[in-house]
């Protein structure tokens, strides 16, 4: 069994594959500068939303410097409540009819009240 293993390769070692056929995502560098004049350069994907501020290594807030292709973050959409999703799919008349049917079934004993 030991004869079938790769000799000289450690577990978690380097891959034998090359990066020749890999197309990396398009990137650009964003420069941040803090009040203490520390410069931080970070690579971002061209599709990423670049944050307008970054925490510097000194703990201060660094701001984007220069004409960086900055995309404003999209506003997070508010998630709909169960009731809002229900009224999107059903009219109020249908909901009232369904409620009346379920109440009759509950009163007749065909269904039981969930606790």
N, C-alpha and C. Protein backbone atom coordinates (compact mmCIF):
# COMPACT_ATOMS: atom_id res chain seq x y z
N UNK A 1 0.83 -1.19 0.00
CA UNK A 1 0.00 0.00 0.00
C UNK A 1 0.87 1.25 0.00
N UNK A 2 1.98 1.22 0.69
CA UNK A 2 2.86 2.38 0.73
C UNK A 2 3.51 2.64 -0.62
N UNK A 3 3.58 1.63 -1.48
CA UNK A 3 4.20 1.80 -2.79
C UNK A 3 3.36 2.67 -3.72
N UNK A 4 2.05 2.77 -3.44
CA UNK A 4 1.18 3.52 -4.35
C UNK A 4 1.11 5.00 -4.00
N UNK A 5 1.76 5.45 -2.94
CA UNK A 5 1.68 6.87 -2.56
C UNK A 5 2.71 7.68 -3.33
N UNK A 6 2.48 8.99 -3.40
CA UNK A 6 3.43 9.88 -4.02
C UNK A 6 4.55 10.14 -3.04
N UNK A 7 5.75 9.88 -3.44
CA UNK A 7 6.88 10.10 -2.54
C UNK A 7 7.36 11.53 -2.68
N UNK A 8 7.66 12.13 -1.56
CA UNK A 8 8.20 13.47 -1.55
C UNK A 8 7.14 14.56 -1.52
N UNK A 9 5.83 14.21 -1.47
CA UNK A 9 4.77 15.21 -1.40
C UNK A 9 4.16 15.17 0.00
N UNK A 10 4.09 16.31 0.63
CA UNK A 10 3.51 16.39 1.96
C UNK A 10 2.01 16.60 1.86
N UNK A 11 1.30 16.22 2.90
CA UNK A 11 -0.13 16.47 2.93
C UNK A 11 -0.33 17.98 3.00
N UNK A 12 -1.21 18.50 2.16
CA UNK A 12 -1.45 19.93 2.12
C UNK A 12 -0.36 20.68 1.38
N UNK A 13 0.46 19.96 0.66
CA UNK A 13 1.56 20.58 -0.07
C UNK A 13 1.09 21.28 -1.33
N UNK A 14 2.02 21.64 -2.17
CA UNK A 14 1.69 22.38 -3.40
C UNK A 14 0.96 21.49 -4.39
N UNK A 15 0.12 22.12 -5.16
CA UNK A 15 -0.61 21.42 -6.20
C UNK A 15 0.31 21.21 -7.40
N UNK A 16 0.06 20.16 -8.15
CA UNK A 16 0.85 19.88 -9.35
C UNK A 16 0.26 20.58 -10.57
N UNK A 17 -0.89 21.28 -10.40
CA UNK A 17 -1.52 21.98 -11.51
C UNK A 17 -0.92 23.37 -11.67
N UNK A 18 -0.96 23.87 -12.91
CA UNK A 18 -0.45 25.22 -13.18
C UNK A 18 -1.60 26.20 -13.28
N UNK A 19 -1.29 27.49 -13.24
CA UNK A 19 -2.29 28.54 -13.35
C UNK A 19 -2.45 29.02 -14.79
N UNK A 20 -1.95 28.28 -15.75
CA UNK A 20 -1.95 28.73 -17.14
C UNK A 20 -3.35 28.96 -17.72
N UNK A 21 -4.29 28.09 -17.41
CA UNK A 21 -5.63 28.18 -18.02
C UNK A 21 -6.62 28.95 -17.16
N UNK A 22 -6.16 29.61 -16.12
CA UNK A 22 -7.06 30.32 -15.22
C UNK A 22 -7.17 31.78 -15.64
N UNK A 23 -8.39 32.25 -15.79
CA UNK A 23 -8.64 33.66 -16.10
C UNK A 23 -9.02 34.35 -14.79
N UNK A 24 -8.16 35.19 -14.29
CA UNK A 24 -8.42 35.88 -13.04
C UNK A 24 -9.41 37.02 -13.26
N UNK A 25 -10.15 37.35 -12.21
CA UNK A 25 -11.13 38.43 -12.29
C UNK A 25 -10.41 39.76 -12.51
N UNK A 26 -11.07 40.65 -13.23
CA UNK A 26 -10.51 41.98 -13.47
C UNK A 26 -10.47 42.74 -12.15
N UNK A 27 -9.32 43.38 -11.87
CA UNK A 27 -9.14 44.06 -10.60
C UNK A 27 -8.58 45.46 -10.80
N UNK A 28 -8.71 46.25 -9.77
CA UNK A 28 -8.05 47.55 -9.71
C UNK A 28 -7.67 47.81 -8.27
N UNK A 29 -6.71 48.70 -8.08
CA UNK A 29 -6.23 49.00 -6.74
C UNK A 29 -6.87 50.28 -6.23
N UNK A 30 -7.22 50.27 -4.95
CA UNK A 30 -7.81 51.43 -4.30
C UNK A 30 -6.84 51.88 -3.21
N UNK A 31 -6.56 53.17 -3.19
CA UNK A 31 -5.63 53.74 -2.21
C UNK A 31 -6.41 54.45 -1.12
N UNK A 32 -6.10 54.11 0.12
CA UNK A 32 -6.69 54.76 1.29
C UNK A 32 -5.59 55.50 2.03
N UNK A 33 -5.92 56.65 2.62
CA UNK A 33 -4.97 57.40 3.41
C UNK A 33 -5.66 57.85 4.70
N UNK A 34 -4.93 57.70 5.83
CA UNK A 34 -5.50 58.05 7.12
C UNK A 34 -4.96 59.41 7.57
N UNK A 35 -5.48 59.99 8.67
CA UNK A 35 -5.00 61.29 9.15
C UNK A 35 -3.51 61.28 9.52
N UNK A 36 -2.95 60.11 9.85
CA UNK A 36 -1.53 60.00 10.17
C UNK A 36 -0.67 59.80 8.92
N UNK A 37 -1.27 59.97 7.73
CA UNK A 37 -0.59 59.85 6.43
C UNK A 37 -0.13 58.43 6.10
N UNK A 38 -0.72 57.41 6.75
CA UNK A 38 -0.43 56.03 6.37
C UNK A 38 -1.20 55.73 5.09
N UNK A 39 -0.54 55.08 4.16
CA UNK A 39 -1.16 54.73 2.88
C UNK A 39 -1.40 53.23 2.83
N UNK A 40 -2.62 52.84 2.51
CA UNK A 40 -2.99 51.44 2.36
C UNK A 40 -3.51 51.25 0.94
N UNK A 41 -2.95 50.29 0.21
CA UNK A 41 -3.38 49.99 -1.16
C UNK A 41 -3.98 48.59 -1.16
N UNK A 42 -5.24 48.50 -1.57
CA UNK A 42 -5.97 47.23 -1.56
C UNK A 42 -6.50 46.90 -2.95
N UNK A 43 -6.38 45.63 -3.38
CA UNK A 43 -6.96 45.24 -4.66
C UNK A 43 -8.43 44.88 -4.49
N UNK A 44 -9.27 45.33 -5.42
CA UNK A 44 -10.69 45.00 -5.42
C UNK A 44 -11.08 44.51 -6.80
N UNK A 45 -12.05 43.61 -6.83
CA UNK A 45 -12.61 43.16 -8.09
C UNK A 45 -13.33 44.33 -8.75
N UNK A 46 -13.36 44.33 -10.08
CA UNK A 46 -14.04 45.42 -10.79
C UNK A 46 -15.54 45.40 -10.52
N UNK A 47 -16.07 44.28 -10.04
CA UNK A 47 -17.50 44.17 -9.74
C UNK A 47 -17.81 44.47 -8.28
N UNK A 48 -16.78 44.64 -7.44
CA UNK A 48 -17.00 44.84 -6.01
C UNK A 48 -17.41 46.26 -5.69
N UNK A 49 -18.14 46.41 -4.61
CA UNK A 49 -18.48 47.72 -4.10
C UNK A 49 -17.33 48.15 -3.17
N UNK A 50 -16.69 49.22 -3.50
CA UNK A 50 -15.54 49.69 -2.74
C UNK A 50 -16.03 50.50 -1.55
N UNK A 51 -15.61 50.15 -0.33
CA UNK A 51 -16.03 50.94 0.82
C UNK A 51 -15.35 52.31 0.81
N UNK A 52 -16.05 53.38 1.18
CA UNK A 52 -15.46 54.71 1.15
C UNK A 52 -14.42 54.92 2.24
N UNK A 53 -14.48 54.10 3.30
CA UNK A 53 -13.50 54.21 4.39
C UNK A 53 -12.95 52.82 4.72
N UNK A 54 -11.75 52.80 5.31
CA UNK A 54 -11.08 51.55 5.69
C UNK A 54 -10.35 51.82 6.99
N UNK A 55 -10.34 50.85 7.89
CA UNK A 55 -9.61 51.04 9.15
C UNK A 55 -8.12 50.85 8.91
N UNK A 56 -7.35 51.88 9.25
CA UNK A 56 -5.90 51.86 9.06
C UNK A 56 -5.25 50.97 10.12
N UNK A 57 -4.01 50.61 9.90
CA UNK A 57 -3.27 49.79 10.85
C UNK A 57 -3.06 50.51 12.19
N UNK A 58 -3.13 51.85 12.18
CA UNK A 58 -2.96 52.62 13.42
C UNK A 58 -4.28 52.76 14.17
N UNK A 59 -5.37 52.29 13.58
CA UNK A 59 -6.67 52.36 14.24
C UNK A 59 -7.54 53.52 13.79
N UNK A 60 -6.97 54.46 13.05
CA UNK A 60 -7.73 55.60 12.55
C UNK A 60 -8.51 55.19 11.30
N UNK A 61 -9.43 56.05 10.91
CA UNK A 61 -10.23 55.79 9.71
C UNK A 61 -9.53 56.40 8.49
N UNK A 62 -9.26 55.55 7.50
CA UNK A 62 -8.64 56.00 6.26
C UNK A 62 -9.72 56.19 5.21
N UNK A 63 -9.54 57.22 4.37
CA UNK A 63 -10.50 57.54 3.31
C UNK A 63 -9.89 57.26 1.94
N UNK A 64 -10.75 57.01 0.96
CA UNK A 64 -10.30 56.76 -0.41
C UNK A 64 -9.58 58.01 -0.91
N UNK A 65 -8.45 57.78 -1.56
CA UNK A 65 -7.67 58.89 -2.11
C UNK A 65 -7.70 58.81 -3.63
N UNK A 66 -7.80 59.96 -4.27
CA UNK A 66 -7.72 60.01 -5.73
C UNK A 66 -9.03 59.71 -6.41
N UNK A 67 -8.94 59.50 -7.71
CA UNK A 67 -10.11 59.23 -8.54
C UNK A 67 -10.31 57.72 -8.66
N UNK A 68 -10.71 57.12 -7.59
CA UNK A 68 -10.94 55.68 -7.58
C UNK A 68 -12.34 55.41 -8.13
N UNK A 69 -12.48 54.39 -8.98
CA UNK A 69 -13.82 54.07 -9.48
C UNK A 69 -14.68 53.54 -8.33
N UNK A 70 -15.26 54.44 -7.58
CA UNK A 70 -16.02 54.11 -6.38
C UNK A 70 -17.48 53.89 -6.72
N UNK A 71 -18.01 52.74 -6.30
CA UNK A 71 -19.43 52.45 -6.48
C UNK A 71 -20.11 52.63 -5.13
N UNK A 72 -21.19 53.39 -5.12
CA UNK A 72 -21.91 53.55 -3.87
C UNK A 72 -22.63 52.24 -3.55
N UNK A 73 -22.59 51.85 -2.27
CA UNK A 73 -23.28 50.61 -1.89
C UNK A 73 -24.77 50.71 -2.15
N UNK A 74 -25.35 49.60 -2.56
CA UNK A 74 -26.79 49.57 -2.80
C UNK A 74 -27.52 49.57 -1.47
N UNK A 75 -28.67 50.23 -1.45
CA UNK A 75 -29.47 50.23 -0.24
C UNK A 75 -30.03 48.83 -0.03
N UNK A 76 -29.95 48.36 1.19
CA UNK A 76 -30.50 47.05 1.51
C UNK A 76 -32.01 47.14 1.46
N UNK A 77 -32.62 46.25 0.73
CA UNK A 77 -34.08 46.27 0.64
C UNK A 77 -34.67 45.66 1.90
N UNK A 78 -35.76 46.26 2.35
CA UNK A 78 -36.44 45.76 3.53
C UNK A 78 -37.16 44.47 3.17
N UNK A 79 -37.01 43.45 3.99
CA UNK A 79 -37.69 42.20 3.69
C UNK A 79 -39.18 42.35 4.00
N UNK A 80 -39.98 41.69 3.21
CA UNK A 80 -41.43 41.79 3.36
C UNK A 80 -41.88 40.89 4.51
N UNK A 81 -42.95 41.31 5.16
CA UNK A 81 -43.55 40.49 6.20
C UNK A 81 -44.36 39.37 5.55
N UNK A 82 -44.74 38.40 6.37
CA UNK A 82 -45.56 37.29 5.86
C UNK A 82 -46.87 37.83 5.29
N UNK A 83 -47.47 38.78 5.98
CA UNK A 83 -48.73 39.36 5.52
C UNK A 83 -48.57 40.07 4.17
N UNK A 84 -47.49 40.81 4.00
CA UNK A 84 -47.25 41.51 2.73
C UNK A 84 -47.07 40.53 1.58
N UNK A 85 -46.35 39.44 1.82
CA UNK A 85 -46.18 38.43 0.77
C UNK A 85 -47.50 37.75 0.45
N UNK A 86 -48.32 37.52 1.47
CA UNK A 86 -49.62 36.89 1.27
C UNK A 86 -50.55 37.78 0.45
N UNK A 87 -50.58 39.07 0.77
CA UNK A 87 -51.45 39.99 0.02
C UNK A 87 -50.93 40.26 -1.39
N UNK A 88 -49.65 39.98 -1.64
CA UNK A 88 -49.13 40.08 -3.01
C UNK A 88 -49.72 38.97 -3.89
N UNK A 89 -50.00 37.81 -3.28
CA UNK A 89 -50.47 36.65 -4.05
C UNK A 89 -51.99 36.50 -4.07
N UNK A 90 -52.67 37.06 -3.09
CA UNK A 90 -54.11 36.87 -2.96
C UNK A 90 -54.82 38.21 -2.83
N UNK A 91 -56.05 38.24 -3.30
CA UNK A 91 -56.87 39.44 -3.10
C UNK A 91 -57.51 39.36 -1.72
N UNK A 92 -58.00 40.50 -1.23
CA UNK A 92 -58.63 40.53 0.09
C UNK A 92 -59.90 39.67 0.11
N UNK A 93 -60.61 39.61 -1.03
CA UNK A 93 -61.82 38.78 -1.12
C UNK A 93 -61.46 37.31 -0.96
N UNK A 94 -60.39 36.86 -1.63
CA UNK A 94 -59.95 35.47 -1.51
C UNK A 94 -59.52 35.14 -0.09
N UNK A 95 -58.83 36.07 0.54
CA UNK A 95 -58.39 35.85 1.91
C UNK A 95 -59.57 35.74 2.87
N UNK A 96 -60.58 36.61 2.68
CA UNK A 96 -61.76 36.57 3.53
C UNK A 96 -62.52 35.26 3.33
N UNK A 97 -62.66 34.81 2.08
CA UNK A 97 -63.34 33.55 1.79
C UNK A 97 -62.61 32.37 2.43
N UNK A 98 -61.27 32.36 2.33
CA UNK A 98 -60.48 31.29 2.92
C UNK A 98 -60.63 31.30 4.44
N UNK A 99 -60.61 32.49 5.05
CA UNK A 99 -60.76 32.59 6.50
C UNK A 99 -62.11 32.06 6.95
N UNK A 100 -63.18 32.43 6.23
CA UNK A 100 -64.52 31.96 6.59
C UNK A 100 -64.60 30.44 6.50
N UNK A 101 -64.03 29.83 5.45
CA UNK A 101 -64.05 28.38 5.30
C UNK A 101 -63.30 27.70 6.45
N UNK A 102 -62.13 28.24 6.81
CA UNK A 102 -61.34 27.64 7.88
C UNK A 102 -62.04 27.77 9.24
N UNK A 103 -62.73 28.89 9.47
CA UNK A 103 -63.45 29.05 10.73
C UNK A 103 -64.61 28.06 10.83
N UNK A 104 -65.31 27.84 9.71
CA UNK A 104 -66.40 26.85 9.70
C UNK A 104 -65.86 25.45 9.99
N UNK A 105 -64.70 25.11 9.39
CA UNK A 105 -64.09 23.79 9.62
C UNK A 105 -63.67 23.66 11.08
N UNK A 106 -63.20 24.72 11.68
CA UNK A 106 -62.78 24.69 13.07
C UNK A 106 -63.99 24.51 13.99
N UNK A 107 -65.08 25.23 13.70
CA UNK A 107 -66.29 25.12 14.51
C UNK A 107 -66.93 23.75 14.39
N UNK A 108 -66.85 23.13 13.20
CA UNK A 108 -67.47 21.81 13.00
C UNK A 108 -66.61 20.67 13.52
N UNK A 109 -65.37 20.95 13.88
CA UNK A 109 -64.50 19.92 14.43
C UNK A 109 -63.70 19.18 13.37
N UNK A 110 -63.78 19.59 12.09
CA UNK A 110 -63.02 18.94 11.04
C UNK A 110 -61.52 19.19 11.20
N UNK A 111 -61.17 20.34 11.74
CA UNK A 111 -59.76 20.63 12.03
C UNK A 111 -59.67 21.04 13.51
N UNK A 112 -58.50 20.90 14.06
CA UNK A 112 -58.30 21.25 15.47
C UNK A 112 -57.38 22.46 15.56
N UNK A 113 -57.62 23.22 16.59
CA UNK A 113 -56.83 24.42 16.81
C UNK A 113 -55.41 24.01 17.20
N UNK A 114 -54.43 24.54 16.49
CA UNK A 114 -53.03 24.24 16.82
C UNK A 114 -52.58 25.02 18.04
N UNK A 115 -51.89 24.34 18.91
CA UNK A 115 -51.42 25.01 20.12
C UNK A 115 -49.94 25.23 20.08
